[in-house]
Amino acid sequence: MNVWLIGATVLMGGFLPCLLVAARATALDALVALQLAGSTATLVLLLLSEGFHRPSYFAAPLVLSVLSFVGTLVIARFLARSSR
């Protein structure tokens, strides 16, 4: 086990607060928790790909970073339309 895998394991603990906020907070706060979880997942995948020394694994976090941002925008638009 190297420092990259330890960092990814520690960073995975950041999903628990995001899950709690997403489950118990208002819709806008849950959206922020979703965005934070997407950013955290991207960082965890980057650390795992570096920890396993697999350059081909770097594609997944790069795609996830773009898709999580776009998904958050879609959900924000949905929430704006439903609040009217």
N, C-alpha and C. Protein backbone atom coordinates (compact mmCIF):
# COMPACT_ATOMS: atom_id res chain seq x y z
N MET A 1 0.84 -1.16 0.00
CA MET A 1 0.00 0.00 0.00
C MET A 1 0.90 1.24 0.00
N ASN A 2 0.59 2.19 -0.86
CA ASN A 2 1.40 3.39 -0.95
C ASN A 2 0.60 4.61 -0.48
N VAL A 3 1.23 5.76 -0.54
CA VAL A 3 0.62 6.98 -0.01
C VAL A 3 -0.61 7.40 -0.83
N TRP A 4 -0.65 7.09 -2.12
CA TRP A 4 -1.79 7.45 -2.95
C TRP A 4 -3.03 6.67 -2.54
N LEU A 5 -2.87 5.39 -2.27
CA LEU A 5 -4.01 4.57 -1.86
C LEU A 5 -4.50 4.94 -0.46
N ILE A 6 -3.58 5.30 0.42
CA ILE A 6 -3.97 5.75 1.76
C ILE A 6 -4.75 7.06 1.65
N GLY A 7 -4.27 7.97 0.80
CA GLY A 7 -4.98 9.23 0.60
C GLY A 7 -6.37 9.03 0.03
N ALA A 8 -6.51 8.09 -0.91
CA ALA A 8 -7.83 7.80 -1.48
C ALA A 8 -8.76 7.22 -0.42
N THR A 9 -8.23 6.36 0.43
CA THR A 9 -9.04 5.77 1.49
C THR A 9 -9.52 6.82 2.48
N VAL A 10 -8.64 7.72 2.85
CA VAL A 10 -9.00 8.79 3.78
C VAL A 10 -10.02 9.73 3.15
N LEU A 11 -9.81 10.04 1.87
CA LEU A 11 -10.72 10.95 1.19
C LEU A 11 -12.11 10.36 1.00
N MET A 12 -12.21 9.04 0.95
CA MET A 12 -13.52 8.40 0.83
C MET A 12 -14.40 8.66 2.04
N GLY A 13 -13.79 9.00 3.16
CA GLY A 13 -14.58 9.35 4.34
C GLY A 13 -15.38 10.63 4.15
N GLY A 14 -15.03 11.41 3.15
CA GLY A 14 -15.77 12.63 2.86
C GLY A 14 -17.13 12.39 2.24
N PHE A 15 -17.41 11.17 1.85
CA PHE A 15 -18.73 10.86 1.28
C PHE A 15 -19.81 10.80 2.35
N LEU A 16 -19.45 10.47 3.56
CA LEU A 16 -20.45 10.34 4.62
C LEU A 16 -21.14 11.67 4.94
N PRO A 17 -20.43 12.78 5.12
CA PRO A 17 -21.15 14.03 5.35
C PRO A 17 -22.01 14.44 4.15
N CYS A 18 -21.53 14.17 2.94
CA CYS A 18 -22.33 14.49 1.76
C CYS A 18 -23.62 13.69 1.74
N LEU A 19 -23.54 12.44 2.11
CA LEU A 19 -24.72 11.59 2.16
C LEU A 19 -25.71 12.07 3.21
N LEU A 20 -25.21 12.46 4.36
CA LEU A 20 -26.09 12.94 5.42
C LEU A 20 -26.78 14.24 5.02
N VAL A 21 -26.04 15.15 4.40
CA VAL A 21 -26.65 16.42 3.97
C VAL A 21 -27.65 16.17 2.86
N ALA A 22 -27.33 15.30 1.92
CA ALA A 22 -28.24 15.01 0.82
C ALA A 22 -29.52 14.35 1.30
N ALA A 23 -29.44 13.59 2.38
CA ALA A 23 -30.63 12.89 2.87
C ALA A 23 -31.51 13.77 3.76
N ARG A 24 -30.93 14.73 4.46
CA ARG A 24 -31.70 15.46 5.47
C ARG A 24 -31.92 16.94 5.19
N ALA A 25 -31.24 17.51 4.22
CA ALA A 25 -31.29 18.95 4.02
C ALA A 25 -32.32 19.32 2.94
N THR A 26 -32.42 20.62 2.70
CA THR A 26 -33.31 21.10 1.64
C THR A 26 -32.73 20.72 0.28
N ALA A 27 -33.53 20.94 -0.75
CA ALA A 27 -33.13 20.53 -2.09
C ALA A 27 -31.88 21.28 -2.56
N LEU A 28 -31.78 22.55 -2.26
CA LEU A 28 -30.62 23.32 -2.69
C LEU A 28 -29.35 22.88 -1.96
N ASP A 29 -29.47 22.61 -0.66
CA ASP A 29 -28.31 22.10 0.08
C ASP A 29 -27.92 20.70 -0.38
N ALA A 30 -28.90 19.89 -0.73
CA ALA A 30 -28.61 18.55 -1.25
C ALA A 30 -27.90 18.63 -2.59
N LEU A 31 -28.23 19.63 -3.38
CA LEU A 31 -27.55 19.82 -4.66
C LEU A 31 -26.09 20.18 -4.46
N VAL A 32 -25.82 21.01 -3.48
CA VAL A 32 -24.43 21.36 -3.15
C VAL A 32 -23.68 20.13 -2.66
N ALA A 33 -24.34 19.30 -1.85
CA ALA A 33 -23.71 18.06 -1.38
C ALA A 33 -23.43 17.11 -2.54
N LEU A 34 -24.33 17.08 -3.51
CA LEU A 34 -24.12 16.25 -4.69
C LEU A 34 -22.91 16.73 -5.49
N GLN A 35 -22.76 18.03 -5.64
CA GLN A 35 -21.60 18.57 -6.35
C GLN A 35 -20.31 18.27 -5.61
N LEU A 36 -20.34 18.39 -4.29
CA LEU A 36 -19.15 18.08 -3.49
C LEU A 36 -18.81 16.60 -3.59
N ALA A 37 -19.81 15.74 -3.60
CA ALA A 37 -19.56 14.30 -3.73
C ALA A 37 -18.96 13.98 -5.10
N GLY A 38 -19.40 14.67 -6.14
CA GLY A 38 -18.82 14.45 -7.46
C GLY A 38 -17.36 14.87 -7.52
N SER A 39 -17.05 15.99 -6.89
CA SER A 39 -15.66 16.44 -6.85
C SER A 39 -14.80 15.49 -6.03
N THR A 40 -15.34 15.02 -4.94
CA THR A 40 -14.61 14.07 -4.10
C THR A 40 -14.38 12.75 -4.84
N ALA A 41 -15.39 12.29 -5.56
CA ALA A 41 -15.24 11.05 -6.32
C ALA A 41 -14.17 11.19 -7.40
N THR A 42 -14.12 12.36 -8.03
CA THR A 42 -13.09 12.60 -9.03
C THR A 42 -11.70 12.52 -8.42
N LEU A 43 -11.53 13.16 -7.27
CA LEU A 43 -10.23 13.12 -6.60
C LEU A 43 -9.86 11.72 -6.14
N VAL A 44 -10.83 10.97 -5.64
CA VAL A 44 -10.56 9.60 -5.21
C VAL A 44 -10.13 8.75 -6.39
N LEU A 45 -10.81 8.89 -7.52
CA LEU A 45 -10.42 8.10 -8.70
C LEU A 45 -9.05 8.50 -9.22
N LEU A 46 -8.73 9.79 -9.16
CA LEU A 46 -7.39 10.21 -9.57
C LEU A 46 -6.32 9.60 -8.66
N LEU A 47 -6.56 9.63 -7.36
CA LEU A 47 -5.60 9.04 -6.43
C LEU A 47 -5.47 7.53 -6.63
N LEU A 48 -6.57 6.86 -6.88
CA LEU A 48 -6.52 5.41 -7.12
C LEU A 48 -5.75 5.08 -8.40
N SER A 49 -5.98 5.85 -9.44
CA SER A 49 -5.27 5.56 -10.69
C SER A 49 -3.77 5.81 -10.54
N GLU A 50 -3.39 6.81 -9.78
CA GLU A 50 -1.97 7.04 -9.52
C GLU A 50 -1.41 5.96 -8.58
N GLY A 51 -2.21 5.54 -7.62
CA GLY A 51 -1.77 4.51 -6.67
C GLY A 51 -1.56 3.16 -7.32
N PHE A 52 -2.37 2.84 -8.33
CA PHE A 52 -2.23 1.57 -9.03
C PHE A 52 -1.26 1.66 -10.21
N HIS A 53 -0.73 2.85 -10.49
CA HIS A 53 0.22 3.08 -11.59
C HIS A 53 -0.36 2.64 -12.93
N ARG A 54 -1.61 3.01 -13.17
CA ARG A 54 -2.28 2.68 -14.43
C ARG A 54 -2.68 3.97 -15.14
N PRO A 55 -1.95 4.39 -16.14
CA PRO A 55 -2.31 5.62 -16.86
C PRO A 55 -3.66 5.53 -17.57
N SER A 56 -4.08 4.33 -17.92
CA SER A 56 -5.37 4.20 -18.60
C SER A 56 -6.54 4.47 -17.66
N TYR A 57 -6.32 4.41 -16.37
CA TYR A 57 -7.39 4.69 -15.41
C TYR A 57 -7.66 6.18 -15.25
N PHE A 58 -6.84 7.04 -15.82
CA PHE A 58 -7.04 8.48 -15.69
C PHE A 58 -8.22 8.98 -16.53
N ALA A 59 -8.73 8.18 -17.44
CA ALA A 59 -9.84 8.61 -18.28
C ALA A 59 -11.14 8.73 -17.48
N ALA A 60 -11.36 7.82 -16.55
CA ALA A 60 -12.61 7.83 -15.78
C ALA A 60 -12.78 9.10 -14.93
N PRO A 61 -11.77 9.54 -14.17
CA PRO A 61 -11.98 10.77 -13.41
C PRO A 61 -12.12 12.01 -14.28
N LEU A 62 -11.48 12.03 -15.44
CA LEU A 62 -11.62 13.17 -16.32
C LEU A 62 -13.04 13.27 -16.88
N VAL A 63 -13.60 12.15 -17.25
CA VAL A 63 -14.98 12.12 -17.74
C VAL A 63 -15.94 12.43 -16.60
N LEU A 64 -15.68 11.90 -15.42
CA LEU A 64 -16.55 12.14 -14.27
C LEU A 64 -16.58 13.61 -13.89
N SER A 65 -15.46 14.30 -14.00
CA SER A 65 -15.44 15.71 -13.63
C SER A 65 -16.36 16.53 -14.53
N VAL A 66 -16.38 16.23 -15.81
CA VAL A 66 -17.25 16.95 -16.74
C VAL A 66 -18.70 16.55 -16.53
N LEU A 67 -18.96 15.26 -16.41
CA LEU A 67 -20.33 14.79 -16.29
C LEU A 67 -20.98 15.17 -14.97
N SER A 68 -20.22 15.24 -13.89
CA SER A 68 -20.82 15.64 -12.62
C SER A 68 -21.22 17.11 -12.65
N PHE A 69 -20.42 17.94 -13.32
CA PHE A 69 -20.77 19.36 -13.44
C PHE A 69 -22.02 19.54 -14.30
N VAL A 70 -22.08 18.84 -15.42
CA VAL A 70 -23.24 18.94 -16.30
C VAL A 70 -24.48 18.38 -15.61
N GLY A 71 -24.33 17.28 -14.89
CA GLY A 71 -25.46 16.72 -14.16
C GLY A 71 -25.99 17.65 -13.09
N THR A 72 -25.10 18.36 -12.43
CA THR A 72 -25.53 19.32 -11.43
C THR A 72 -26.31 20.46 -12.07
N LEU A 73 -25.88 20.91 -13.24
CA LEU A 73 -26.61 21.96 -13.95
C LEU A 73 -28.00 21.49 -14.36
N VAL A 74 -28.11 20.26 -14.80
CA VAL A 74 -29.41 19.72 -15.20
C VAL A 74 -30.34 19.63 -14.00
N ILE A 75 -29.82 19.16 -12.88
CA ILE A 75 -30.66 19.06 -11.69
C ILE A 75 -31.05 20.43 -11.18
N ALA A 76 -30.15 21.40 -11.25
CA ALA A 76 -30.47 22.77 -10.83
C ALA A 76 -31.57 23.35 -11.72
N ARG A 77 -31.51 23.08 -12.98
CA ARG A 77 -32.57 23.56 -13.89
C ARG A 77 -33.90 22.89 -13.57
N PHE A 78 -33.86 21.61 -13.29
CA PHE A 78 -35.08 20.89 -12.90
C PHE A 78 -35.67 21.46 -11.62
N LEU A 79 -34.82 21.75 -10.65
CA LEU A 79 -35.30 22.32 -9.39
C LEU A 79 -35.88 23.72 -9.59
N ALA A 80 -35.29 24.49 -10.50
CA ALA A 80 -35.81 25.83 -10.78
C ALA A 80 -37.17 25.76 -11.45
N ARG A 81 -37.36 24.79 -12.33
CA ARG A 81 -38.65 24.65 -13.01
C ARG A 81 -39.72 24.14 -12.06
N SER A 82 -39.35 23.28 -11.14
CA SER A 82 -40.36 22.72 -10.23
C SER A 82 -40.76 23.69 -9.13
N SER A 83 -39.94 24.72 -8.88
CA SER A 83 -40.28 25.67 -7.83
C SER A 83 -41.19 26.78 -8.33
N ARG A 84 -41.43 26.86 -9.62
CA ARG A 84 -42.30 27.92 -10.16
C ARG A 84 -43.74 27.64 -9.90
